[in-house]
Each structure stands twice: as structure tokens, then as C-alpha cells.
């Protein structure tokens, strides 16, 4: 899977791989090979509409740019699947504001 360029995660960046579990409707990153996971949860609220609901990174891993990987993966999924997205999660709102790519913006429901 492609890695995001220019992240500030440092040496752990090579270990970060976003997994997409469509059945559970979540993106996740296993942290340091442990049972700890950072997750981004979403739900389908219509046939082609998702609600990006919640992002959670364990306290010990916060501030390292991990949620950014989840947000990028979720927004790329929305674009690739040609979905519309509600951004309930405050972090994804922040991510899109800081990364206002036209392909993201045209898929957001305000």
C-alpha cells in the first residue's frame, strides 16, 4: 500500500500500514506490532453515502501523525468509490481543512 509522503511520524512510518475492513466498516493501523490499534470508523448512511464518524489513536501514540494516515485512507476510499461523505469526526474535518484537495472537497456533504 502506498505511504503518504511528507509525514512527521519518523522512523515508525515504515511500520504503519492502513488496513481497510469493509465488513466492520473501519480503517485501522496496528501499532508497533502490538494489539494496540488506531481506528477510523464509518457507516453507510445511504447507498453511495458514508459518515466518517470517529477516529481514535491510543493515548501513548498520539501526536505522531498516525490519525493523518487513517484520514487520508478514508478520504481516498471516498474518492475511489465515488461516494459522498458526511464528516462527523472532528479530526477528519481538520484533515480536510488542512489538505483541501479538490477531489476531497467535491465528495463532502456540508
PDB file of N, CA and C in Angstrom:
ATOM      1  N   UNK A   1       0.840  -1.181   0.000  1.00  0.00           N
ATOM      2  CA  UNK A   1       0.000   0.000   0.000  1.00  0.00           C
ATOM      3  C   UNK A   1       0.881   1.239   0.000  1.00  0.00           C
ATOM      4  N   UNK A   2       0.484   2.241  -0.695  1.00  0.00           N
ATOM      5  CA  UNK A   2       1.281   3.465  -0.809  1.00  0.00           C
ATOM      6  C   UNK A   2       1.337   4.191   0.527  1.00  0.00           C
ATOM      7  N   UNK A   3       2.464   4.734   0.833  1.00  0.00           N
ATOM      8  CA  UNK A   3       2.635   5.523   2.047  1.00  0.00           C
ATOM      9  C   UNK A   3       2.470   7.000   1.712  1.00  0.00           C
ATOM     10  N   UNK A   4       1.927   7.739   2.649  1.00  0.00           N
ATOM     11  CA  UNK A   4       1.786   9.179   2.448  1.00  0.00           C
ATOM     12  C   UNK A   4       3.160   9.819   2.516  1.00  0.00           C
ATOM     13  N   UNK A   5       3.430  10.732   1.647  1.00  0.00           N
ATOM     14  CA  UNK A   5       4.720  11.416   1.633  1.00  0.00           C
ATOM     15  C   UNK A   5       4.697  12.589   2.605  1.00  0.00           C
ATOM     16  N   UNK A   6       5.853  12.899   3.142  1.00  0.00           N
ATOM     17  CA  UNK A   6       5.990  14.101   3.966  1.00  0.00           C
ATOM     18  C   UNK A   6       5.331  14.015   5.325  1.00  0.00           C
ATOM     19  N   UNK A   7       5.188  12.834   5.897  1.00  0.00           N
ATOM     20  CA  UNK A   7       4.589  12.726   7.215  1.00  0.00           C
ATOM     21  C   UNK A   7       5.643  12.978   8.278  1.00  0.00           C
ATOM     22  N   UNK A   8       5.187  13.224   9.497  1.00  0.00           N
ATOM     23  CA  UNK A   8       6.102  13.519  10.581  1.00  0.00           C
ATOM     24  C   UNK A   8       6.159  12.378  11.591  1.00  0.00           C
ATOM     25  N   UNK A   9       5.900  11.160  11.143  1.00  0.00           N
ATOM     26  CA  UNK A   9       5.863  10.019  12.044  1.00  0.00           C
ATOM     27  C   UNK A   9       7.262   9.525  12.369  1.00  0.00           C
ATOM     28  N   UNK A  10       8.228   9.810  11.527  1.00  0.00           N
ATOM     29  CA  UNK A  10       9.608   9.431  11.796  1.00  0.00           C
ATOM     30  C   UNK A  10       9.875   7.987  11.429  1.00  0.00           C
ATOM     31  N   UNK A  11      10.732   7.341  12.214  1.00  0.00           N
ATOM     32  CA  UNK A  11      11.154   6.000  11.858  1.00  0.00           C
ATOM     33  C   UNK A  11      10.034   4.975  11.898  1.00  0.00           C
ATOM     34  N   UNK A  12       8.945   5.257  12.587  1.00  0.00           N
ATOM     35  CA  UNK A  12       7.846   4.296  12.644  1.00  0.00           C
ATOM     36  C   UNK A  12       7.010   4.321  11.374  1.00  0.00           C
ATOM     37  N   UNK A  13       7.253   5.265  10.492  1.00  0.00           N
ATOM     38  CA  UNK A  13       6.438   5.413   9.280  1.00  0.00           C
ATOM     39  C   UNK A  13       6.416   4.135   8.445  1.00  0.00           C
ATOM     40  N   UNK A  14       7.550   3.470   8.344  1.00  0.00           N
ATOM     41  CA  UNK A  14       7.623   2.258   7.525  1.00  0.00           C
ATOM     42  C   UNK A  14       6.769   1.140   8.118  1.00  0.00           C
ATOM     43  N   UNK A  15       6.493   1.207   9.409  1.00  0.00           N
ATOM     44  CA  UNK A  15       5.712   0.178  10.077  1.00  0.00           C
ATOM     45  C   UNK A  15       4.211   0.449   9.998  1.00  0.00           C
ATOM     46  N   UNK A  16       3.813   1.633   9.593  1.00  0.00           N
ATOM     47  CA  UNK A  16       2.399   1.991   9.570  1.00  0.00           C
ATOM     48  C   UNK A  16       1.755   1.538   8.270  1.00  0.00           C
ATOM     49  N   UNK A  17       0.814   0.627   8.384  1.00  0.00           N
ATOM     50  CA  UNK A  17       0.079   0.164   7.222  1.00  0.00           C
ATOM     51  C   UNK A  17      -1.400   0.242   7.544  1.00  0.00           C
ATOM     52  N   UNK A  18      -2.130   1.007   6.761  1.00  0.00           N
ATOM     53  CA  UNK A  18      -3.561   1.146   6.986  1.00  0.00           C
ATOM     54  C   UNK A  18      -4.265  -0.062   6.389  1.00  0.00           C
ATOM     55  N   UNK A  19      -5.080  -0.707   7.199  1.00  0.00           N
ATOM     56  CA  UNK A  19      -5.891  -1.830   6.748  1.00  0.00           C
ATOM     57  C   UNK A  19      -7.341  -1.373   6.684  1.00  0.00           C
ATOM     58  N   UNK A  20      -8.038  -1.788   5.629  1.00  0.00           N
ATOM     59  CA  UNK A  20      -9.435  -1.426   5.467  1.00  0.00           C
ATOM     60  C   UNK A  20     -10.279  -2.678   5.624  1.00  0.00           C
ATOM     61  N   UNK A  21     -11.099  -2.710   6.652  1.00  0.00           N
ATOM     62  CA  UNK A  21     -12.012  -3.822   6.895  1.00  0.00           C
ATOM     63  C   UNK A  21     -13.406  -3.360   6.491  1.00  0.00           C
ATOM     64  N   UNK A  22     -13.798  -3.718   5.267  1.00  0.00           N
ATOM     65  CA  UNK A  22     -15.095  -3.269   4.752  1.00  0.00           C
ATOM     66  C   UNK A  22     -16.267  -3.857   5.532  1.00  0.00           C
ATOM     67  N   UNK A  23     -16.101  -5.065   6.010  1.00  0.00           N
ATOM     68  CA  UNK A  23     -17.186  -5.708   6.759  1.00  0.00           C
ATOM     69  C   UNK A  23     -17.453  -4.979   8.078  1.00  0.00           C
ATOM     70  N   UNK A  24     -16.387  -4.605   8.759  1.00  0.00           N
ATOM     71  CA  UNK A  24     -16.529  -3.874  10.026  1.00  0.00           C
ATOM     72  C   UNK A  24     -16.633  -2.369   9.819  1.00  0.00           C
ATOM     73  N   UNK A  25     -16.462  -1.929   8.586  1.00  0.00           N
ATOM     74  CA  UNK A  25     -16.513  -0.509   8.224  1.00  0.00           C
ATOM     75  C   UNK A  25     -15.533   0.301   9.079  1.00  0.00           C
ATOM     76  N   UNK A  26     -14.258  -0.079   8.936  1.00  0.00           N
ATOM     77  CA  UNK A  26     -13.231   0.655   9.664  1.00  0.00           C
ATOM     78  C   UNK A  26     -11.892   0.568   8.951  1.00  0.00           C
ATOM     79  N   UNK A  27     -11.112   1.600   9.168  1.00  0.00           N
ATOM     80  CA  UNK A  27      -9.711   1.628   8.761  1.00  0.00           C
ATOM     81  C   UNK A  27      -8.926   1.480  10.060  1.00  0.00           C
ATOM     82  N   UNK A  28      -7.838   0.740  10.034  1.00  0.00           N
ATOM     83  CA  UNK A  28      -7.055   0.588  11.259  1.00  0.00           C
ATOM     84  C   UNK A  28      -5.567   0.492  10.944  1.00  0.00           C
ATOM     85  N   UNK A  29      -4.781   0.816  11.951  1.00  0.00           N
ATOM     86  CA  UNK A  29      -3.321   0.692  11.885  1.00  0.00           C
ATOM     87  C   UNK A  29      -2.904  -0.046  13.144  1.00  0.00           C
ATOM     88  N   UNK A  30      -2.210  -1.162  12.969  1.00  0.00           N
ATOM     89  CA  UNK A  30      -1.650  -1.888  14.112  1.00  0.00           C
ATOM     90  C   UNK A  30      -0.401  -1.128  14.534  1.00  0.00           C
ATOM     91  N   UNK A  31      -0.274  -0.873  15.810  1.00  0.00           N
ATOM     92  CA  UNK A  31       0.812  -0.038  16.324  1.00  0.00           C
ATOM     93  C   UNK A  31       1.895  -0.884  16.975  1.00  0.00           C
ATOM     94  N   UNK A  32       3.101  -0.777  16.451  1.00  0.00           N
ATOM     95  CA  UNK A  32       4.274  -1.487  16.979  1.00  0.00           C
ATOM     96  C   UNK A  32       4.052  -2.987  17.088  1.00  0.00           C
ATOM     97  N   UNK A  33       3.278  -3.549  16.180  1.00  0.00           N
ATOM     98  CA  UNK A  33       3.059  -4.987  16.171  1.00  0.00           C
ATOM     99  C   UNK A  33       2.292  -5.490  17.381  1.00  0.00           C
ATOM    100  N   UNK A  34       1.767  -4.583  18.181  1.00  0.00           N
ATOM    101  CA  UNK A  34       1.047  -4.981  19.389  1.00  0.00           C
ATOM    102  C   UNK A  34      -0.443  -5.117  19.090  1.00  0.00           C
ATOM    103  N   UNK A  35      -1.200  -5.302  20.139  1.00  0.00           N
ATOM    104  CA  UNK A  35      -2.652  -5.367  19.988  1.00  0.00           C
ATOM    105  C   UNK A  35      -3.258  -3.974  19.914  1.00  0.00           C
ATOM    106  N   UNK A  36      -2.462  -2.947  20.206  1.00  0.00           N
ATOM    107  CA  UNK A  36      -2.964  -1.573  20.109  1.00  0.00           C
ATOM    108  C   UNK A  36      -3.245  -1.246  18.658  1.00  0.00           C
ATOM    109  N   UNK A  37      -4.351  -0.571  18.434  1.00  0.00           N
ATOM    110  CA  UNK A  37      -4.716  -0.166  17.079  1.00  0.00           C
ATOM    111  C   UNK A  37      -5.261   1.258  17.114  1.00  0.00           C
ATOM    112  N   UNK A  38      -4.930   1.978  16.063  1.00  0.00           N
ATOM    113  CA  UNK A  38      -5.591   3.260  15.810  1.00  0.00           C
ATOM    114  C   UNK A  38      -6.708   2.931  14.820  1.00  0.00           C
ATOM    115  N   UNK A  39      -7.883   3.497  15.003  1.00  0.00           N
ATOM    116  CA  UNK A  39      -9.006   3.158  14.129  1.00  0.00           C
ATOM    117  C   UNK A  39      -9.760   4.396  13.672  1.00  0.00           C
ATOM    118  N   UNK A  40     -10.363   4.259  12.505  1.00  0.00           N
ATOM    119  CA  UNK A  40     -11.291   5.253  11.982  1.00  0.00           C
ATOM    120  C   UNK A  40     -12.543   4.471  11.603  1.00  0.00           C
ATOM    121  N   UNK A  41     -13.671   4.847  12.185  1.00  0.00           N
ATOM    122  CA  UNK A  41     -14.933   4.150  11.967  1.00  0.00           C
ATOM    123  C   UNK A  41     -15.833   4.940  11.029  1.00  0.00           C
ATOM    124  N   UNK A  42     -16.551   4.205  10.177  1.00  0.00           N
ATOM    125  CA  UNK A  42     -17.520   4.848   9.292  1.00  0.00           C
ATOM    126  C   UNK A  42     -18.745   3.961   9.152  1.00  0.00           C
ATOM    127  N   UNK A  43     -19.829   4.557   8.688  1.00  0.00           N
ATOM    128  CA  UNK A  43     -21.071   3.830   8.424  1.00  0.00           C
ATOM    129  C   UNK A  43     -21.618   4.304   7.092  1.00  0.00           C
ATOM    130  N   UNK A  44     -22.278   3.400   6.396  1.00  0.00           N
ATOM    131  CA  UNK A  44     -23.038   3.804   5.222  1.00  0.00           C
ATOM    132  C   UNK A  44     -24.361   4.363   5.709  1.00  0.00           C
ATOM    133  N   UNK A  45     -24.699   5.556   5.262  1.00  0.00           N
ATOM    134  CA  UNK A  45     -25.972   6.173   5.639  1.00  0.00           C
ATOM    135  C   UNK A  45     -26.878   6.301   4.425  1.00  0.00           C
ATOM    136  N   UNK A  46     -26.414   5.813   3.299  1.00  0.00           N
ATOM    137  CA  UNK A  46     -27.160   5.781   2.049  1.00  0.00           C
ATOM    138  C   UNK A  46     -26.408   4.848   1.115  1.00  0.00           C
ATOM    139  N   UNK A  47     -26.980   4.609  -0.049  1.00  0.00           N
ATOM    140  CA  UNK A  47     -26.345   3.671  -0.970  1.00  0.00           C
ATOM    141  C   UNK A  47     -24.930   4.105  -1.370  1.00  0.00           C
ATOM    142  N   UNK A  48     -24.713   5.383  -1.594  1.00  0.00           N
ATOM    143  CA  UNK A  48     -23.406   5.917  -2.003  1.00  0.00           C
ATOM    144  C   UNK A  48     -22.946   7.031  -1.060  1.00  0.00           C
ATOM    145  N   UNK A  49     -23.386   6.949   0.212  1.00  0.00           N
ATOM    146  CA  UNK A  49     -23.041   7.990   1.180  1.00  0.00           C
ATOM    147  C   UNK A  49     -22.531   7.358   2.464  1.00  0.00           C
ATOM    148  N   UNK A  50     -21.379   7.829   2.919  1.00  0.00           N
ATOM    149  CA  UNK A  50     -20.817   7.355   4.179  1.00  0.00           C
ATOM    150  C   UNK A  50     -20.720   8.499   5.176  1.00  0.00           C
ATOM    151  N   UNK A  51     -20.733   8.120   6.445  1.00  0.00           N
ATOM    152  CA  UNK A  51     -20.499   9.064   7.525  1.00  0.00           C
ATOM    153  C   UNK A  51     -19.186   8.645   8.176  1.00  0.00           C
ATOM    154  N   UNK A  52     -18.162   9.484   8.046  1.00  0.00           N
ATOM    155  CA  UNK A  52     -16.873   9.231   8.686  1.00  0.00           C
ATOM    156  C   UNK A  52     -17.025   9.712  10.127  1.00  0.00           C
ATOM    157  N   UNK A  53     -17.215   8.754  11.030  1.00  0.00           N
ATOM    158  CA  UNK A  53     -17.739   9.061  12.358  1.00  0.00           C
ATOM    159  C   UNK A  53     -16.721   9.342  13.449  1.00  0.00           C
ATOM    160  N   UNK A  54     -15.653   8.558  13.494  1.00  0.00           N
ATOM    161  CA  UNK A  54     -14.800   8.643  14.674  1.00  0.00           C
ATOM    162  C   UNK A  54     -13.391   8.149  14.360  1.00  0.00           C
ATOM    163  N   UNK A  55     -12.413   8.858  14.865  1.00  0.00           N
ATOM    164  CA  UNK A  55     -11.016   8.439  14.760  1.00  0.00           C
ATOM    165  C   UNK A  55     -10.466   8.337  16.175  1.00  0.00           C
ATOM    166  N   UNK A  56      -9.771   7.246  16.443  1.00  0.00           N
ATOM    167  CA  UNK A  56      -9.207   7.080  17.779  1.00  0.00           C
ATOM    168  C   UNK A  56      -7.798   6.519  17.701  1.00  0.00           C
ATOM    169  N   UNK A  57      -6.881   7.191  18.388  1.00  0.00           N
ATOM    170  CA  UNK A  57      -5.491   6.750  18.494  1.00  0.00           C
ATOM    171  C   UNK A  57      -5.213   6.593  19.988  1.00  0.00           C
ATOM    172  N   UNK A  58      -4.680   5.441  20.415  1.00  0.00           N
ATOM    173  CA  UNK A  58      -4.361   5.270  21.839  1.00  0.00           C
ATOM    174  C   UNK A  58      -3.482   6.410  22.353  1.00  0.00           C
ATOM    175  N   UNK A  59      -3.716   6.792  23.601  1.00  0.00           N
ATOM    176  CA  UNK A  59      -3.006   7.926  24.206  1.00  0.00           C
ATOM    177  C   UNK A  59      -1.497   7.873  24.003  1.00  0.00           C
ATOM    178  N   UNK A  60      -0.901   6.715  24.171  1.00  0.00           N
ATOM    179  CA  UNK A  60       0.560   6.589  24.090  1.00  0.00           C
ATOM    180  C   UNK A  60       1.096   6.869  22.687  1.00  0.00           C
ATOM    181  N   UNK A  61       0.219   6.870  21.684  1.00  0.00           N
ATOM    182  CA  UNK A  61       0.661   7.051  20.298  1.00  0.00           C
ATOM    183  C   UNK A  61       0.198   8.375  19.687  1.00  0.00           C
ATOM    184  N   UNK A  62      -0.476   9.192  20.478  1.00  0.00           N
ATOM    185  CA  UNK A  62      -0.995  10.456  19.942  1.00  0.00           C
ATOM    186  C   UNK A  62       0.125  11.440  19.658  1.00  0.00           C
ATOM    187  N   UNK A  63      -0.162  12.373  18.736  1.00  0.00           N
ATOM    188  CA  UNK A  63       0.802  13.416  18.414  1.00  0.00           C
ATOM    189  C   UNK A  63       1.897  12.988  17.466  1.00  0.00           C
ATOM    190  N   UNK A  64       1.756  11.823  16.836  1.00  0.00           N
ATOM    191  CA  UNK A  64       2.784  11.317  15.926  1.00  0.00           C
ATOM    192  C   UNK A  64       2.331  11.300  14.469  1.00  0.00           C
ATOM    193  N   UNK A  65       1.153  11.843  14.187  1.00  0.00           N
ATOM    194  CA  UNK A  65       0.677  11.875  12.809  1.00  0.00           C
ATOM    195  C   UNK A  65      -0.021  10.596  12.352  1.00  0.00           C
ATOM    196  N   UNK A  66      -0.332   9.715  13.284  1.00  0.00           N
ATOM    197  CA  UNK A  66      -0.950   8.438  12.924  1.00  0.00           C
ATOM    198  C   UNK A  66      -2.364   8.628  12.388  1.00  0.00           C
ATOM    199  N   UNK A  67      -3.147   9.481  13.022  1.00  0.00           N
ATOM    200  CA  UNK A  67      -4.527   9.718  12.574  1.00  0.00           C
ATOM    201  C   UNK A  67      -4.558  10.270  11.150  1.00  0.00           C
ATOM    202  N   UNK A  68      -3.516  10.976  10.769  1.00  0.00           N
ATOM    203  CA  UNK A  68      -3.415  11.538   9.422  1.00  0.00           C
ATOM    204  C   UNK A  68      -3.443  10.418   8.370  1.00  0.00           C
ATOM    205  N   UNK A  69      -2.775   9.307   8.661  1.00  0.00           N
ATOM    206  CA  UNK A  69      -2.770   8.169   7.738  1.00  0.00           C
ATOM    207  C   UNK A  69      -4.176   7.590   7.583  1.00  0.00           C
ATOM    208  N   UNK A  70      -4.899   7.496   8.700  1.00  0.00           N
ATOM    209  CA  UNK A  70      -6.264   6.976   8.663  1.00  0.00           C
ATOM    210  C   UNK A  70      -7.176   7.908   7.875  1.00  0.00           C
ATOM    211  N   UNK A  71      -7.055   9.203   8.129  1.00  0.00           N
ATOM    212  CA  UNK A  71      -7.899  10.182   7.441  1.00  0.00           C
ATOM    213  C   UNK A  71      -7.637  10.170   5.934  1.00  0.00           C
ATOM    214  N   UNK A  72      -6.376  10.082   5.547  1.00  0.00           N
ATOM    215  CA  UNK A  72      -6.042  10.043   4.123  1.00  0.00           C
ATOM    216  C   UNK A  72      -6.627   8.793   3.473  1.00  0.00           C
ATOM    217  N   UNK A  73      -6.470   7.655   4.140  1.00  0.00           N
ATOM    218  CA  UNK A  73      -7.006   6.407   3.587  1.00  0.00           C
ATOM    219  C   UNK A  73      -8.527   6.480   3.429  1.00  0.00           C
ATOM    220  N   UNK A  74      -9.195   7.044   4.418  1.00  0.00           N
ATOM    221  CA  UNK A  74     -10.656   7.154   4.353  1.00  0.00           C
ATOM    222  C   UNK A  74     -11.088   8.092   3.229  1.00  0.00           C
ATOM    223  N   UNK A  75     -10.434   9.223   3.110  1.00  0.00           N
ATOM    224  CA  UNK A  75     -10.811  10.169   2.054  1.00  0.00           C
ATOM    225  C   UNK A  75     -10.464   9.614   0.674  1.00  0.00           C
ATOM    226  N   UNK A  76      -9.349   8.913   0.551  1.00  0.00           N
ATOM    227  CA  UNK A  76      -9.013   8.275  -0.727  1.00  0.00           C
ATOM    228  C   UNK A  76     -10.057   7.219  -1.091  1.00  0.00           C
ATOM    229  N   UNK A  77     -10.541   6.469  -0.108  1.00  0.00           N
ATOM    230  CA  UNK A  77     -11.607   5.487  -0.317  1.00  0.00           C
ATOM    231  C   UNK A  77     -12.873   6.168  -0.835  1.00  0.00           C
ATOM    232  N   UNK A  78     -13.246   7.278  -0.209  1.00  0.00           N
ATOM    233  CA  UNK A  78     -14.437   8.023  -0.634  1.00  0.00           C
ATOM    234  C   UNK A  78     -14.310   8.437  -2.100  1.00  0.00           C
ATOM    235  N   UNK A  79     -13.145   8.950  -2.472  1.00  0.00           N
ATOM    236  CA  UNK A  79     -12.907   9.398  -3.845  1.00  0.00           C
ATOM    237  C   UNK A  79     -12.906   8.205  -4.808  1.00  0.00           C
ATOM    238  N   UNK A  80     -12.154   7.159  -4.453  1.00  0.00           N
ATOM    239  CA  UNK A  80     -12.031   5.996  -5.350  1.00  0.00           C
ATOM    240  C   UNK A  80     -13.359   5.295  -5.587  1.00  0.00           C
ATOM    241  N   UNK A  81     -14.220   5.258  -4.565  1.00  0.00           N
ATOM    242  CA  UNK A  81     -15.515   4.591  -4.681  1.00  0.00           C
ATOM    243  C   UNK A  81     -16.607   5.548  -5.159  1.00  0.00           C
ATOM    244  N   UNK A  82     -16.241   6.805  -5.415  1.00  0.00           N
ATOM    245  CA  UNK A  82     -17.169   7.847  -5.845  1.00  0.00           C
ATOM    246  C   UNK A  82     -18.356   7.973  -4.894  1.00  0.00           C
ATOM    247  N   UNK A  83     -18.028   8.091  -3.598  1.00  0.00           N
ATOM    248  CA  UNK A  83     -19.040   8.237  -2.564  1.00  0.00           C
ATOM    249  C   UNK A  83     -19.168   9.693  -2.154  1.00  0.00           C
ATOM    250  N   UNK A  84     -20.229   9.991  -1.439  1.00  0.00           N
ATOM    251  CA  UNK A  84     -20.374  11.270  -0.760  1.00  0.00           C
ATOM    252  C   UNK A  84     -20.107  11.002   0.709  1.00  0.00           C
ATOM    253  N   UNK A  85     -19.573  11.993   1.423  1.00  0.00           N
ATOM    254  CA  UNK A  85     -19.207  11.776   2.821  1.00  0.00           C
ATOM    255  C   UNK A  85     -19.697  12.889   3.731  1.00  0.00           C
ATOM    256  N   UNK A  86     -20.284  12.480   4.843  1.00  0.00           N
ATOM    257  CA  UNK A  86     -20.530  13.367   5.973  1.00  0.00           C
ATOM    258  C   UNK A  86     -19.293  13.257   6.854  1.00  0.00           C
ATOM    259  N   UNK A  87     -18.809  14.373   7.360  1.00  0.00           N
ATOM    260  CA  UNK A  87     -17.612  14.360   8.213  1.00  0.00           C
ATOM    261  C   UNK A  87     -18.023  14.642   9.650  1.00  0.00           C
ATOM    262  N   UNK A  88     -18.533  13.628  10.333  1.00  0.00           N
ATOM    263  CA  UNK A  88     -18.921  13.779  11.723  1.00  0.00           C
ATOM    264  C   UNK A  88     -17.697  13.909  12.616  1.00  0.00           C
ATOM    265  N   UNK A  89     -16.639  13.195  12.287  1.00  0.00           N
ATOM    266  CA  UNK A  89     -15.414  13.198  13.080  1.00  0.00           C
ATOM    267  C   UNK A  89     -14.692  14.540  12.962  1.00  0.00           C
ATOM    268  N   UNK A  90     -14.412  15.156  14.105  1.00  0.00           N
ATOM    269  CA  UNK A  90     -13.744  16.465  14.085  1.00  0.00           C
ATOM    270  C   UNK A  90     -12.349  16.363  13.461  1.00  0.00           C
ATOM    271  N   UNK A  91     -11.665  15.227  13.672  1.00  0.00           N
ATOM    272  CA  UNK A  91     -10.308  15.133  13.141  1.00  0.00           C
ATOM    273  C   UNK A  91     -10.319  15.089  11.613  1.00  0.00           C
ATOM    274  N   UNK A  92     -11.260  14.395  11.035  1.00  0.00           N
ATOM    275  CA  UNK A  92     -11.328  14.345   9.567  1.00  0.00           C
ATOM    276  C   UNK A  92     -11.696  15.724   9.018  1.00  0.00           C
ATOM    277  N   UNK A  93     -12.555  16.447   9.721  1.00  0.00           N
ATOM    278  CA  UNK A  93     -12.857  17.827   9.318  1.00  0.00           C
ATOM    279  C   UNK A  93     -11.568  18.642   9.286  1.00  0.00           C
ATOM    280  N   UNK A  94     -10.756  18.497  10.335  1.00  0.00           N
ATOM    281  CA  UNK A  94      -9.480  19.212  10.419  1.00  0.00           C
ATOM    282  C   UNK A  94      -8.545  18.776   9.290  1.00  0.00           C
ATOM    283  N   UNK A  95      -8.463  17.469   9.034  1.00  0.00           N
ATOM    284  CA  UNK A  95      -7.578  16.941   7.990  1.00  0.00           C
ATOM    285  C   UNK A  95      -7.945  17.527   6.625  1.00  0.00           C
ATOM    286  N   UNK A  96      -9.231  17.547   6.317  1.00  0.00           N
ATOM    287  CA  UNK A  96      -9.666  18.067   5.010  1.00  0.00           C
ATOM    288  C   UNK A  96      -9.412  19.569   4.916  1.00  0.00           C
ATOM    289  N   UNK A  97      -9.597  20.271   6.029  1.00  0.00           N
ATOM    290  CA  UNK A  97      -9.323  21.716   6.032  1.00  0.00           C
ATOM    291  C   UNK A  97      -7.840  21.977   5.765  1.00  0.00           C
ATOM    292  N   UNK A  98      -6.959  21.129   6.319  1.00  0.00           N
ATOM    293  CA  UNK A  98      -5.515  21.287   6.130  1.00  0.00           C
ATOM    294  C   UNK A  98      -5.028  20.707   4.802  1.00  0.00           C
ATOM    295  N   UNK A  99      -5.832  19.860   4.176  1.00  0.00           N
ATOM    296  CA  UNK A  99      -5.491  19.214   2.905  1.00  0.00           C
ATOM    297  C   UNK A  99      -6.681  19.360   1.947  1.00  0.00           C
ATOM    298  N   UNK A 100      -6.970  20.590   1.520  1.00  0.00           N
ATOM    299  CA  UNK A 100      -8.193  20.851   0.741  1.00  0.00           C
ATOM    300  C   UNK A 100      -8.099  20.435  -0.730  1.00  0.00           C
ATOM    301  N   UNK A 101      -7.796  19.161  -0.955  1.00  0.00           N
ATOM    302  CA  UNK A 101      -7.692  18.658  -2.324  1.00  0.00           C
ATOM    303  C   UNK A 101      -9.062  18.725  -2.990  1.00  0.00           C
ATOM    304  N   UNK A 102      -9.133  19.249  -4.214  1.00  0.00           N
ATOM    305  CA  UNK A 102     -10.432  19.354  -4.907  1.00  0.00           C
ATOM    306  C   UNK A 102     -11.174  18.023  -4.966  1.00  0.00           C
ATOM    307  N   UNK A 103     -10.438  16.918  -5.154  1.00  0.00           N
ATOM    308  CA  UNK A 103     -11.119  15.629  -5.237  1.00  0.00           C
ATOM    309  C   UNK A 103     -11.771  15.268  -3.903  1.00  0.00           C
ATOM    310  N   UNK A 104     -11.235  15.733  -2.781  1.00  0.00           N
ATOM    311  CA  UNK A 104     -11.870  15.509  -1.484  1.00  0.00           C
ATOM    312  C   UNK A 104     -13.093  16.409  -1.355  1.00  0.00           C
ATOM    313  N   UNK A 105     -12.900  17.683  -1.645  1.00  0.00           N
ATOM    314  CA  UNK A 105     -13.954  18.665  -1.414  1.00  0.00           C
ATOM    315  C   UNK A 105     -15.227  18.375  -2.194  1.00  0.00           C
ATOM    316  N   UNK A 106     -15.092  17.845  -3.405  1.00  0.00           N
ATOM    317  CA  UNK A 106     -16.286  17.582  -4.196  1.00  0.00           C
ATOM    318  C   UNK A 106     -17.085  16.375  -3.707  1.00  0.00           C
ATOM    319  N   UNK A 107     -16.530  15.634  -2.765  1.00  0.00           N
ATOM    320  CA  UNK A 107     -17.231  14.458  -2.243  1.00  0.00           C
ATOM    321  C   UNK A 107     -17.821  14.683  -0.844  1.00  0.00           C
ATOM    322  N   UNK A 108     -17.634  15.874  -0.303  1.00  0.00           N
ATOM    323  CA  UNK A 108     -18.101  16.161   1.064  1.00  0.00           C
ATOM    324  C   UNK A 108     -19.492  16.780   1.026  1.00  0.00           C
ATOM    325  N   UNK A 109     -20.352  16.276   1.919  1.00  0.00           N
ATOM    326  CA  UNK A 109     -21.682  16.847   2.095  1.00  0.00           C
ATOM    327  C   UNK A 109     -21.599  17.813   3.267  1.00  0.00           C
ATOM    328  N   UNK A 110     -21.991  19.061   3.005  1.00  0.00           N
ATOM    329  CA  UNK A 110     -21.916  20.081   4.076  1.00  0.00           C
ATOM    330  C   UNK A 110     -23.253  20.233   4.742  1.00  0.00           C
TER     331      UNK A 110
END
